[in-house]
Amino acid sequence: MSELAGPPVPGLAKLWTHDPVTAGPYRLVGRLGAGGQGVVYLGEDDAASASGTMSAAPRRSCSPASAPSPPAG
């Protein structure tokens, strides 16, 4: 995990092996949390003066048996 330019962030955990390392213009530096709607990452821009968070929705597989039926018509 890379270090942030500013003060430490409570609850910041290391990125997992399969996590992305960038999101748009941000370099992801750690995980802030995860839940049913995805993972929240802490990112830092190239100037290291601004940080932002990104949430990535979990990937969901859809098998033919669980796919919704097409509308009747």
Protein backbone atom coordinates (compact mmCIF):
# COMPACT_ATOMS: atom_id res chain seq x y z
CA MET A 1 0.00 0.00 0.00
CA SER A 2 1.21 3.47 -0.82
CA GLU A 3 1.33 6.21 1.78
CA LEU A 4 -0.99 9.21 1.66
CA ALA A 5 0.48 12.70 1.62
CA GLY A 6 -1.82 13.85 4.44
CA PRO A 7 -2.67 12.54 7.90
CA PRO A 8 -3.49 8.84 8.46
CA VAL A 9 -7.01 7.72 7.61
CA PRO A 10 -8.79 5.68 10.32
CA GLY A 11 -9.99 2.30 9.08
CA LEU A 12 -7.89 2.33 5.91
CA ALA A 13 -6.93 -1.25 4.96
CA LYS A 14 -4.49 -2.51 2.35
CA LEU A 15 -5.76 -3.25 -1.15
CA TRP A 16 -6.46 -6.92 -1.82
CA THR A 17 -4.61 -8.76 -4.57
CA HIS A 18 -7.57 -8.61 -6.99
CA ASP A 19 -8.44 -4.94 -6.29
CA PRO A 20 -7.86 -2.37 -9.02
CA VAL A 21 -4.94 0.01 -8.50
CA THR A 22 -6.47 2.97 -10.35
CA ALA A 23 -9.93 4.42 -10.95
CA GLY A 24 -10.03 7.21 -13.50
CA PRO A 25 -7.46 9.84 -12.49
CA TYR A 26 -7.08 8.37 -8.99
CA ARG A 27 -4.43 5.98 -7.69
CA LEU A 28 -6.16 3.74 -5.17
CA VAL A 29 -4.27 3.59 -1.88
CA GLY A 30 -6.54 1.42 0.27
CA ARG A 31 -9.96 0.10 1.21
CA LEU A 32 -12.30 2.06 3.45
CA GLY A 33 -14.98 -0.62 3.63
CA ALA A 34 -17.07 -3.18 1.77
CA GLY A 35 -20.66 -4.32 1.76
CA GLY A 36 -23.51 -5.59 -0.36
CA GLN A 37 -23.17 -2.77 -2.88
CA GLY A 38 -19.43 -2.99 -3.40
CA VAL A 39 -16.10 -1.79 -2.09
CA VAL A 40 -15.25 1.78 -1.13
CA TYR A 41 -11.67 2.74 -1.95
CA LEU A 42 -9.63 5.78 -1.03
CA GLY A 43 -7.89 7.34 -4.02
CA GLU A 44 -5.33 10.07 -4.47
CA ASP A 45 -4.77 12.20 -7.57
CA ASP A 46 -1.39 12.89 -9.22
CA ALA A 47 -0.90 16.11 -7.25
CA ALA A 48 -1.41 14.16 -4.00
CA SER A 49 -3.31 17.17 -2.71
CA ALA A 50 -6.81 15.82 -3.22
CA SER A 51 -8.30 12.48 -2.38
CA GLY A 52 -11.59 10.89 -3.27
CA THR A 53 -13.51 7.72 -2.71
CA MET A 54 -14.85 5.33 -5.27
CA SER A 55 -17.30 2.49 -4.93
CA ALA A 56 -17.16 -0.48 -7.24
CA ALA A 57 -20.26 -2.64 -7.46
CA PRO A 58 -19.57 -6.34 -6.99
CA ARG A 59 -19.60 -8.49 -10.08
CA ARG A 60 -22.68 -10.65 -10.29
CA SER A 61 -22.97 -13.64 -12.50
CA CYS A 62 -26.25 -14.44 -14.13
CA SER A 63 -26.86 -18.00 -15.14
CA PRO A 64 -29.60 -18.80 -17.68
CA ALA A 65 -31.64 -20.44 -14.92
CA SER A 66 -31.65 -17.28 -12.80
CA ALA A 67 -32.03 -14.78 -15.66
CA PRO A 68 -35.35 -12.96 -15.85
CA SER A 69 -37.77 -14.19 -18.47
CA PRO A 70 -38.41 -11.95 -21.46
CA PRO A 71 -41.74 -10.10 -21.41
CA ALA A 72 -44.64 -11.99 -22.96
CA GLY A 73 -46.00 -10.43 -26.04
